[in-house]
Protein backbone atom coordinates (compact mmCIF):
# COMPACT_ATOMS: atom_id res chain seq x y z
CA MET A 1 1.13 -13.93 -26.15
CA SER A 2 2.05 -12.22 -22.89
CA LEU A 3 2.91 -12.15 -19.19
CA THR A 4 1.68 -9.84 -16.55
CA VAL A 5 2.92 -9.12 -13.18
CA GLU A 6 0.50 -8.75 -10.18
CA PRO A 7 1.03 -6.12 -8.58
CA ALA A 8 2.67 -4.30 -11.47
CA SER A 9 4.74 -1.96 -9.27
CA ALA A 10 6.48 -1.95 -5.89
CA THR A 11 7.16 0.68 -3.30
CA PHE A 12 9.58 0.27 -0.48
CA PRO A 13 10.97 2.34 2.41
CA ALA A 14 14.64 3.43 2.02
CA THR A 15 15.36 1.24 5.03
CA GLY A 16 14.33 -1.93 3.15
CA GLY A 17 11.47 -4.28 2.83
CA THR A 18 9.89 -7.25 0.97
CA SER A 19 7.22 -7.40 -1.66
CA THR A 20 5.58 -10.53 -3.07
CA HIS A 21 4.41 -10.68 -6.69
CA PHE A 22 2.98 -13.06 -9.22
CA ILE A 23 4.04 -13.55 -12.92
CA VAL A 24 0.85 -14.59 -14.72
CA SER A 25 0.89 -16.11 -18.12
CA THR A 26 -1.75 -16.04 -20.86
CA ILE A 27 0.45 -17.96 -23.11
CA ASP A 28 -0.77 -21.39 -24.59
CA SER A 29 2.60 -23.05 -23.77
CA ARG A 30 5.12 -23.38 -21.11
CA VAL A 31 7.53 -20.47 -20.61
CA ALA A 32 10.86 -19.88 -18.91
CA PHE A 33 11.55 -16.54 -17.27
CA LYS A 34 14.63 -14.51 -16.16
CA VAL A 35 14.47 -11.58 -13.90
CA LYS A 36 17.02 -8.70 -14.39
CA SER A 37 17.34 -5.63 -12.06
CA SER A 38 18.58 -2.07 -12.79
CA ASN A 39 19.96 -2.09 -9.21
CA ASN A 40 21.64 -5.27 -8.01
CA GLU A 41 23.15 -3.33 -4.90
CA ASN A 42 19.74 -2.71 -3.27
CA TYR A 43 17.55 -5.46 -4.66
CA ARG A 44 17.42 -9.20 -4.48
CA VAL A 45 14.79 -11.37 -6.29
CA ARG A 46 13.87 -14.97 -5.64
CA PRO A 47 13.72 -16.85 -7.93
CA VAL A 48 15.87 -15.22 -10.73
CA TYR A 49 15.05 -18.05 -13.22
CA GLY A 50 11.99 -20.26 -13.39
CA PHE A 51 9.16 -21.84 -15.40
CA ILE A 52 5.48 -20.98 -15.78
CA GLU A 53 3.19 -23.70 -16.87
CA THR A 54 0.63 -23.11 -19.65
CA LYS A 55 -1.75 -20.23 -18.67
CA GLY A 56 -0.17 -20.46 -15.07
CA LYS A 57 1.20 -18.25 -12.56
CA THR A 58 4.21 -18.30 -10.26
CA LYS A 59 5.23 -16.27 -7.12
CA PHE A 60 8.39 -14.31 -6.81
CA GLU A 61 9.71 -12.13 -4.16
CA ILE A 62 11.62 -8.81 -4.18
CA VAL A 63 13.77 -7.85 -1.28
CA ARG A 64 14.92 -4.24 -0.96
CA LEU A 65 18.03 -3.69 1.17
CA GLU A 66 18.67 -0.36 2.98
CA GLY A 67 19.92 2.21 0.45
CA PRO A 68 19.36 5.64 -1.05
CA VAL A 69 15.89 6.91 -2.23
CA LYS A 70 15.75 6.02 -5.87
CA ASP A 71 13.62 4.66 -8.61
CA ASP A 72 14.52 1.43 -10.22
CA LYS A 73 13.08 -1.45 -12.38
CA LEU A 74 12.92 -5.12 -12.83
CA VAL A 75 12.68 -6.62 -16.31
CA ILE A 76 11.21 -10.09 -16.60
CA GLN A 77 12.31 -11.73 -19.85
CA TYR A 78 10.53 -14.84 -21.06
CA ALA A 79 10.64 -17.44 -23.80
CA GLU A 80 8.52 -20.42 -24.74
CA VAL A 81 10.09 -23.74 -23.92
CA PRO A 82 9.25 -27.41 -24.49
CA ALA A 83 7.58 -29.29 -21.81
CA ASP A 84 10.71 -31.48 -21.20
CA GLU A 85 13.00 -28.58 -20.70
CA THR A 86 14.63 -28.82 -17.18
CA GLU A 87 16.99 -25.89 -17.11
CA ALA A 88 15.33 -22.45 -16.98
CA GLN A 89 18.63 -20.63 -17.86
CA ALA A 90 19.05 -22.57 -21.23
CA PRO A 91 16.81 -20.57 -23.47
CA PHE A 92 18.36 -17.26 -22.36
CA LYS A 93 21.99 -18.53 -22.86
CA ALA A 94 20.78 -19.50 -26.38
CA GLY A 95 19.31 -16.05 -26.98
CA ALA A 96 15.73 -17.20 -27.12
CA GLN A 97 13.93 -14.21 -25.43
CA GLN A 98 10.53 -13.52 -26.96
CA GLY A 99 9.31 -10.70 -24.76
CA ASP A 100 9.67 -8.80 -21.43
CA VAL A 101 7.56 -7.13 -18.80
CA THR A 102 8.90 -4.25 -16.63
CA ILE A 103 8.06 -3.57 -13.00
CA LEU A 104 8.77 -0.19 -11.62
CA MET A 105 10.12 -0.01 -8.08
CA ARG A 106 10.40 3.07 -5.86
CA ALA A 107 12.18 3.42 -2.62
CA SER A 108 11.04 6.36 -0.59
């Protein structure tokens, strides 16, 4: 059971930029995800929470604001959820994380 991210890393100019990625699931059930950043001052992510259907994929965007040259990371946590779950934050508030994927980000 796993998720992958395509592309698996991102490089931005220190002046800022945008990168589009896909979270791809090979899991045989629906999953909820949550994206956490090691640097909330320079990065914004859309969406932060969401769902991925069985063996599906979803797009998310990373926006890098102007800031110092630095290496950072995003961690995408995920958990299996029932088909009728409507709130993507709910499993994480309940501590249901099952795994995570890390994306390395570099500003140069």
